[in-house]
Protein backbone atom coordinates (compact mmCIF):
# COMPACT_ATOMS: atom_id res chain seq x y z
CA MET A 1 32.18 -47.59 28.21
CA PRO A 2 32.91 -43.93 26.78
CA ARG A 3 29.71 -41.67 25.52
CA SER A 4 28.99 -41.87 21.62
CA VAL A 5 28.33 -39.01 19.94
CA ASN A 6 27.63 -38.44 16.09
CA HIS A 7 29.94 -35.93 15.20
CA VAL A 8 28.72 -36.48 11.27
CA ALA A 9 25.12 -35.59 11.85
CA SER A 10 25.73 -32.65 13.84
CA ARG A 11 28.70 -31.03 11.61
CA ALA A 12 26.50 -31.64 8.89
CA LYS A 13 23.66 -29.62 10.62
CA ARG A 14 26.04 -26.88 11.21
CA LYS A 15 27.55 -27.09 7.65
CA LYS A 16 23.85 -26.99 6.30
CA ILE A 17 22.84 -23.45 8.21
CA LEU A 18 26.31 -22.19 7.55
CA GLY A 19 25.88 -23.01 4.05
CA LEU A 20 22.27 -21.17 4.06
CA THR A 21 23.67 -18.06 5.76
CA ARG A 22 26.34 -17.53 2.47
CA GLY A 23 25.96 -13.84 1.28
CA TYR A 24 25.56 -12.96 4.81
CA ILE A 25 28.34 -10.13 6.04
CA GLY A 26 30.91 -10.49 8.93
CA ALA A 27 30.34 -13.00 11.30
CA ARG A 28 26.58 -14.06 10.49
CA LYS A 29 28.27 -16.14 7.74
CA ASN A 30 30.82 -18.21 9.41
CA VAL A 31 30.60 -18.03 13.29
CA TRP A 32 28.13 -20.82 14.27
CA THR A 33 25.76 -19.59 17.07
CA VAL A 34 25.67 -16.02 15.11
CA ALA A 35 24.84 -17.48 11.72
CA LYS A 36 22.17 -19.63 13.33
CA ASN A 37 20.56 -16.85 14.96
CA THR A 38 20.48 -14.65 12.25
CA TRP A 39 19.32 -17.70 9.81
CA GLU A 40 16.52 -18.36 12.37
CA LYS A 41 15.83 -14.61 12.84
CA GLY A 42 15.46 -14.64 8.80
CA LEU A 43 12.78 -17.19 8.83
CA THR A 44 10.37 -15.29 10.97
CA TYR A 45 10.88 -12.42 9.14
CA ALA A 46 10.42 -14.21 5.97
CA TYR A 47 7.08 -15.63 7.52
CA ARG A 48 5.77 -12.17 8.44
CA ASP A 49 6.43 -10.60 5.04
CA ARG A 50 4.88 -13.07 3.15
CA LYS A 51 1.61 -11.69 5.03
CA ASN A 52 2.83 -8.34 4.44
CA LYS A 53 3.42 -8.89 0.70
CA LYS A 54 -0.20 -8.91 0.20
CA ARG A 55 -1.11 -6.06 1.90
CA ASN A 56 1.28 -4.15 0.20
CA PHE A 57 -0.09 -5.10 -3.04
CA ARG A 58 -3.53 -4.55 -2.30
CA ALA A 59 -2.11 -1.10 -1.36
CA LEU A 60 -0.18 -0.71 -4.41
CA TRP A 61 -3.55 -1.81 -6.57
CA ILE A 62 -5.79 0.61 -4.74
CA GLN A 63 -3.60 3.66 -5.42
CA ARG A 64 -3.31 2.61 -9.04
CA ILE A 65 -7.03 2.27 -9.46
CA ASN A 66 -7.53 5.84 -7.50
CA ALA A 67 -5.18 7.60 -9.77
CA ALA A 68 -6.92 6.16 -13.15
CA ALA A 69 -10.18 7.01 -11.86
CA ARG A 70 -9.24 10.57 -10.85
CA LEU A 71 -8.24 10.80 -14.70
CA GLU A 72 -11.48 9.62 -15.42
CA GLY A 73 -13.24 12.25 -12.83
CA MET A 74 -14.25 9.84 -10.15
CA SER A 75 -12.63 9.30 -6.89
CA TYR A 76 -11.78 5.21 -5.71
CA SER A 77 -14.35 5.08 -3.50
CA LYS A 78 -17.04 6.44 -5.93
CA LEU A 79 -16.03 4.26 -8.74
CA MET A 80 -15.71 1.09 -6.31
CA GLY A 81 -19.48 1.92 -4.94
CA SER A 82 -20.73 2.21 -8.66
CA LEU A 83 -19.21 -0.97 -9.79
CA HIS A 84 -20.59 -2.92 -7.04
CA LYS A 85 -23.88 -1.06 -7.52
CA ALA A 86 -23.78 -1.93 -11.58
CA GLY A 87 -22.93 -5.55 -10.43
CA ILE A 88 -19.40 -5.53 -11.77
CA GLU A 89 -17.21 -8.19 -10.22
CA ILE A 90 -13.95 -7.31 -10.95
CA ASN A 91 -11.19 -7.56 -8.37
CA ARG A 92 -8.54 -4.70 -7.55
CA LYS A 93 -5.79 -6.84 -9.13
CA VAL A 94 -7.45 -6.80 -12.60
CA LEU A 95 -8.56 -3.45 -12.40
CA ALA A 96 -5.47 -1.82 -11.33
CA ASP A 97 -3.63 -3.91 -14.35
CA LEU A 98 -6.33 -2.42 -16.73
CA ALA A 99 -5.95 0.84 -15.77
CA MET A 100 -1.97 0.72 -16.05
CA ASN A 101 -1.58 -1.54 -19.19
CA HIS A 102 -5.14 -1.17 -20.90
CA PRO A 103 -6.58 2.64 -20.27
CA GLU A 104 -9.35 2.49 -22.89
CA ALA A 105 -10.79 -0.96 -21.71
CA PHE A 106 -10.33 0.93 -17.82
CA LYS A 107 -12.43 3.74 -19.29
CA ALA A 108 -15.12 1.50 -21.09
CA VAL A 109 -15.17 -0.36 -17.38
CA VAL A 110 -15.88 3.49 -15.83
CA ALA A 111 -18.29 4.26 -18.16
CA LYS A 112 -20.44 1.04 -17.91
CA ALA A 113 -19.96 1.91 -13.96
CA LYS A 114 -21.17 5.44 -14.35
CA ASN A 115 -24.20 4.74 -16.58
CA ALA A 116 -25.46 2.15 -14.03
């Protein structure tokens, strides 16, 4: 009895991955082995960069807070220390948003931290 191979399923699997590599350049989009390897590597990059994204945003927030704090005559580290000492629990994301979009509110937070 001849060997039975499910061509429908294997073709569908290949077609799915080739569809996912649409937009890639050269053989990466239409040569099965190259496209499969590229797609798998893309998944590892995506996993890694979901973690890195958090680091990058935290670094951006710190830079924005530092720039705004220096306009108020404080460094970032002094500001964060005085906020902690004053018992003001505000995270860096919100603090950076205040610094960028609501400078008067940021000034009020800094003044409150300086007084405590």
